[in-house]
């Protein structure tokens, strides 16, 4: 399931980055430009290359990559909800 995979990756990513990157990701919502993003682009390019099904077509992101990104964003938000009161 690409959503669950993305969500797990999002939680893991959020646990390993600096506060500024976490804040950036929480406000990030341009899924269509994920691979070109100045902060997240390299990360998503690596993740996308690990799965042949998460392709980018001339029409944009395919459904698997889009679902992965939605799950990733949800994982980042879930991590933030768990820790924000502790900061």
C-alpha atoms as a PDB file:
ATOM      1  CA  UNK A   1       0.000   0.000   0.000  1.00  0.00           C
ATOM      2  CA  UNK A   2       1.649   3.207  -1.176  1.00  0.00           C
ATOM      3  CA  UNK A   3      -0.231   5.411   1.282  1.00  0.00           C
ATOM      4  CA  UNK A   4       0.980   3.377   4.266  1.00  0.00           C
ATOM      5  CA  UNK A   5       4.501   3.211   2.887  1.00  0.00           C
ATOM      6  CA  UNK A   6       4.514   6.972   2.434  1.00  0.00           C
ATOM      7  CA  UNK A   7       3.105   7.519   5.907  1.00  0.00           C
ATOM      8  CA  UNK A   8       5.786   5.334   7.491  1.00  0.00           C
ATOM      9  CA  UNK A   9       8.489   7.139   5.505  1.00  0.00           C
ATOM     10  CA  UNK A  10       7.040  10.494   6.549  1.00  0.00           C
ATOM     11  CA  UNK A  11       7.154   9.620  10.247  1.00  0.00           C
ATOM     12  CA  UNK A  12      10.697   8.296   9.914  1.00  0.00           C
ATOM     13  CA  UNK A  13      11.824  11.357   7.947  1.00  0.00           C
ATOM     14  CA  UNK A  14      10.278  13.723  10.478  1.00  0.00           C
ATOM     15  CA  UNK A  15      12.147  12.004  13.309  1.00  0.00           C
ATOM     16  CA  UNK A  16      15.504  12.587  11.627  1.00  0.00           C
ATOM     17  CA  UNK A  17      15.373  16.186  10.382  1.00  0.00           C
ATOM     18  CA  UNK A  18      15.986  19.580  11.915  1.00  0.00           C
ATOM     19  CA  UNK A  19      13.104  21.667  13.213  1.00  0.00           C
ATOM     20  CA  UNK A  20      13.274  24.088  10.261  1.00  0.00           C
ATOM     21  CA  UNK A  21      12.897  21.249   7.749  1.00  0.00           C
ATOM     22  CA  UNK A  22       9.995  19.818   9.721  1.00  0.00           C
ATOM     23  CA  UNK A  23       8.250  23.200   9.722  1.00  0.00           C
ATOM     24  CA  UNK A  24       8.835  23.511   5.991  1.00  0.00           C
ATOM     25  CA  UNK A  25       7.333  20.060   5.341  1.00  0.00           C
ATOM     26  CA  UNK A  26       4.287  20.813   7.479  1.00  0.00           C
ATOM     27  CA  UNK A  27       3.543  23.853   5.311  1.00  0.00           C
ATOM     28  CA  UNK A  28       4.480  22.150   2.042  1.00  0.00           C
ATOM     29  CA  UNK A  29       1.594  21.097  -0.186  1.00  0.00           C
ATOM     30  CA  UNK A  30       2.833  21.251  -3.787  1.00  0.00           C
ATOM     31  CA  UNK A  31       2.687  17.532  -4.565  1.00  0.00           C
ATOM     32  CA  UNK A  32       2.962  18.117  -8.299  1.00  0.00           C
ATOM     33  CA  UNK A  33       6.397  19.712  -7.894  1.00  0.00           C
ATOM     34  CA  UNK A  34       7.710  17.288  -5.279  1.00  0.00           C
ATOM     35  CA  UNK A  35      10.729  16.261  -7.320  1.00  0.00           C
ATOM     36  CA  UNK A  36      11.710  19.868  -8.021  1.00  0.00           C
ATOM     37  CA  UNK A  37      11.214  21.165  -4.485  1.00  0.00           C
ATOM     38  CA  UNK A  38      14.300  22.973  -3.166  1.00  0.00           C
ATOM     39  CA  UNK A  39      14.150  21.261   0.250  1.00  0.00           C
ATOM     40  CA  UNK A  40      12.398  17.940  -0.381  1.00  0.00           C
ATOM     41  CA  UNK A  41      13.199  17.273  -4.028  1.00  0.00           C
ATOM     42  CA  UNK A  42      16.308  15.157  -3.513  1.00  0.00           C
ATOM     43  CA  UNK A  43      14.554  13.033  -0.902  1.00  0.00           C
ATOM     44  CA  UNK A  44      11.514  12.401  -3.117  1.00  0.00           C
ATOM     45  CA  UNK A  45      13.679  11.735  -6.169  1.00  0.00           C
ATOM     46  CA  UNK A  46      15.476   8.995  -4.229  1.00  0.00           C
ATOM     47  CA  UNK A  47      12.194   7.499  -2.981  1.00  0.00           C
ATOM     48  CA  UNK A  48      10.656   7.647  -6.434  1.00  0.00           C
ATOM     49  CA  UNK A  49      13.648   5.859  -7.976  1.00  0.00           C
ATOM     50  CA  UNK A  50      13.212   2.969  -5.523  1.00  0.00           C
ATOM     51  CA  UNK A  51       9.867   1.976  -7.039  1.00  0.00           C
ATOM     52  CA  UNK A  52       9.193   1.457 -10.722  1.00  0.00           C
ATOM     53  CA  UNK A  53       5.482   2.031 -10.095  1.00  0.00           C
ATOM     54  CA  UNK A  54       5.946   5.577  -8.758  1.00  0.00           C
ATOM     55  CA  UNK A  55       6.513   7.197 -12.123  1.00  0.00           C
ATOM     56  CA  UNK A  56       6.224  10.712 -13.390  1.00  0.00           C
ATOM     57  CA  UNK A  57       4.533  10.982 -16.750  1.00  0.00           C
ATOM     58  CA  UNK A  58       4.196  13.939 -19.103  1.00  0.00           C
ATOM     59  CA  UNK A  59       0.810  14.477 -17.440  1.00  0.00           C
ATOM     60  CA  UNK A  60       2.410  14.687 -13.974  1.00  0.00           C
ATOM     61  CA  UNK A  61       2.599  12.290 -11.050  1.00  0.00           C
ATOM     62  CA  UNK A  62       1.000   8.916 -11.490  1.00  0.00           C
ATOM     63  CA  UNK A  63      -1.549   7.662  -8.973  1.00  0.00           C
ATOM     64  CA  UNK A  64       0.943   5.567  -6.965  1.00  0.00           C
ATOM     65  CA  UNK A  65       3.366   8.432  -6.458  1.00  0.00           C
ATOM     66  CA  UNK A  66       0.562  10.843  -5.575  1.00  0.00           C
ATOM     67  CA  UNK A  67      -0.861   8.420  -2.972  1.00  0.00           C
ATOM     68  CA  UNK A  68       2.655   7.888  -1.569  1.00  0.00           C
ATOM     69  CA  UNK A  69       3.129  11.661  -1.203  1.00  0.00           C
ATOM     70  CA  UNK A  70      -0.253  12.058   0.489  1.00  0.00           C
ATOM     71  CA  UNK A  71       0.711   9.326   2.949  1.00  0.00           C
ATOM     72  CA  UNK A  72       4.123  10.925   3.495  1.00  0.00           C
ATOM     73  CA  UNK A  73       2.549  14.271   4.334  1.00  0.00           C
ATOM     74  CA  UNK A  74       0.130  12.535   6.704  1.00  0.00           C
ATOM     75  CA  UNK A  75       3.031  10.787   8.460  1.00  0.00           C
ATOM     76  CA  UNK A  76       4.858  14.077   8.954  1.00  0.00           C
ATOM     77  CA  UNK A  77       1.693  15.648  10.371  1.00  0.00           C
ATOM     78  CA  UNK A  78       1.106  12.652  12.647  1.00  0.00           C
ATOM     79  CA  UNK A  79       4.632  12.948  14.054  1.00  0.00           C
ATOM     80  CA  UNK A  80       4.151  16.678  14.640  1.00  0.00           C
ATOM     81  CA  UNK A  81       0.884  16.103  16.515  1.00  0.00           C
ATOM     82  CA  UNK A  82       2.651  13.605  18.781  1.00  0.00           C
ATOM     83  CA  UNK A  83       5.570  15.877  19.681  1.00  0.00           C
ATOM     84  CA  UNK A  84       4.409  19.462  19.418  1.00  0.00           C
ATOM     85  CA  UNK A  85       3.171  19.700  23.006  1.00  0.00           C
ATOM     86  CA  UNK A  86       6.514  18.411  24.236  1.00  0.00           C
ATOM     87  CA  UNK A  87       8.549  21.212  22.631  1.00  0.00           C
END
